[in-house]
């Protein structure tokens, strides 16, 4: 419906974000985003290990 974003639309969005949040807050936001993604990845790995362990127990039965 909306199609793909072109380079002009992406540039406009980046400029709007920079204006709205200011140059001081953007690095903090990116750090928080990266921290959140790292926690998410860690939880996914832990969940996978847990499910693999559960599969091994079920195979032994």
C-alpha atoms as a PDB file:
ATOM      1  CA  UNK A   1       0.000   0.000   0.000  1.00  0.00           C
ATOM      2  CA  UNK A   2       2.657   2.514   1.007  1.00  0.00           C
ATOM      3  CA  UNK A   3       5.425   1.003  -1.083  1.00  0.00           C
ATOM      4  CA  UNK A   4       9.069   1.080  -0.233  1.00  0.00           C
ATOM      5  CA  UNK A   5      10.884   4.001   1.281  1.00  0.00           C
ATOM      6  CA  UNK A   6      13.292   5.769  -1.025  1.00  0.00           C
ATOM      7  CA  UNK A   7      16.462   7.570  -0.018  1.00  0.00           C
ATOM      8  CA  UNK A   8      14.637  10.904   0.135  1.00  0.00           C
ATOM      9  CA  UNK A   9      11.998   9.615   2.571  1.00  0.00           C
ATOM     10  CA  UNK A  10      14.647   8.016   4.783  1.00  0.00           C
ATOM     11  CA  UNK A  11      16.628  11.260   4.808  1.00  0.00           C
ATOM     12  CA  UNK A  12      13.532  13.217   5.825  1.00  0.00           C
ATOM     13  CA  UNK A  13      12.826  10.762   8.656  1.00  0.00           C
ATOM     14  CA  UNK A  14      16.425  10.987   9.910  1.00  0.00           C
ATOM     15  CA  UNK A  15      16.318  14.781   9.874  1.00  0.00           C
ATOM     16  CA  UNK A  16      12.984  14.806  11.721  1.00  0.00           C
ATOM     17  CA  UNK A  17      14.321  12.445  14.393  1.00  0.00           C
ATOM     18  CA  UNK A  18      17.426  14.604  14.789  1.00  0.00           C
ATOM     19  CA  UNK A  19      15.331  17.754  15.156  1.00  0.00           C
ATOM     20  CA  UNK A  20      12.810  16.192  17.539  1.00  0.00           C
ATOM     21  CA  UNK A  21      15.235  14.469  19.862  1.00  0.00           C
ATOM     22  CA  UNK A  22      18.271  16.683  19.517  1.00  0.00           C
ATOM     23  CA  UNK A  23      21.867  15.673  18.977  1.00  0.00           C
ATOM     24  CA  UNK A  24      22.438  15.004  22.697  1.00  0.00           C
ATOM     25  CA  UNK A  25      19.747  12.370  23.112  1.00  0.00           C
ATOM     26  CA  UNK A  26      20.386  10.289  19.963  1.00  0.00           C
ATOM     27  CA  UNK A  27      23.584   8.553  21.213  1.00  0.00           C
ATOM     28  CA  UNK A  28      21.829   7.701  24.464  1.00  0.00           C
ATOM     29  CA  UNK A  29      18.855   6.294  22.569  1.00  0.00           C
ATOM     30  CA  UNK A  30      21.132   4.191  20.354  1.00  0.00           C
ATOM     31  CA  UNK A  31      23.010   2.866  23.400  1.00  0.00           C
ATOM     32  CA  UNK A  32      19.737   1.906  25.055  1.00  0.00           C
ATOM     33  CA  UNK A  33      18.573   0.225  21.859  1.00  0.00           C
ATOM     34  CA  UNK A  34      21.830  -1.738  21.594  1.00  0.00           C
ATOM     35  CA  UNK A  35      21.609  -2.782  25.255  1.00  0.00           C
ATOM     36  CA  UNK A  36      18.042  -3.946  24.736  1.00  0.00           C
ATOM     37  CA  UNK A  37      19.001  -5.955  21.660  1.00  0.00           C
ATOM     38  CA  UNK A  38      21.877  -7.580  23.548  1.00  0.00           C
ATOM     39  CA  UNK A  39      19.562  -8.609  26.385  1.00  0.00           C
ATOM     40  CA  UNK A  40      17.076  -9.955  23.837  1.00  0.00           C
ATOM     41  CA  UNK A  41      19.778 -12.035  22.110  1.00  0.00           C
ATOM     42  CA  UNK A  42      21.007 -13.351  25.463  1.00  0.00           C
ATOM     43  CA  UNK A  43      17.495 -14.428  26.416  1.00  0.00           C
ATOM     44  CA  UNK A  44      17.002 -16.135  23.053  1.00  0.00           C
ATOM     45  CA  UNK A  45      20.227 -18.118  23.553  1.00  0.00           C
ATOM     46  CA  UNK A  46      19.205 -19.082  27.081  1.00  0.00           C
ATOM     47  CA  UNK A  47      15.773 -20.172  25.867  1.00  0.00           C
ATOM     48  CA  UNK A  48      17.322 -22.241  23.077  1.00  0.00           C
ATOM     49  CA  UNK A  49      19.676 -23.964  25.523  1.00  0.00           C
ATOM     50  CA  UNK A  50      16.736 -24.677  27.808  1.00  0.00           C
ATOM     51  CA  UNK A  51      14.659 -26.179  24.982  1.00  0.00           C
ATOM     52  CA  UNK A  52      17.638 -28.232  23.736  1.00  0.00           C
ATOM     53  CA  UNK A  53      18.139 -29.604  27.245  1.00  0.00           C
ATOM     54  CA  UNK A  54      14.433 -30.454  27.442  1.00  0.00           C
ATOM     55  CA  UNK A  55      14.600 -32.298  24.079  1.00  0.00           C
ATOM     56  CA  UNK A  56      17.563 -34.355  25.271  1.00  0.00           C
ATOM     57  CA  UNK A  57      15.660 -35.384  28.410  1.00  0.00           C
ATOM     58  CA  UNK A  58      12.624 -36.376  26.320  1.00  0.00           C
ATOM     59  CA  UNK A  59      14.779 -38.463  23.959  1.00  0.00           C
ATOM     60  CA  UNK A  60      16.207 -40.430  26.900  1.00  0.00           C
ATOM     61  CA  UNK A  61      12.714 -41.514  27.941  1.00  0.00           C
END
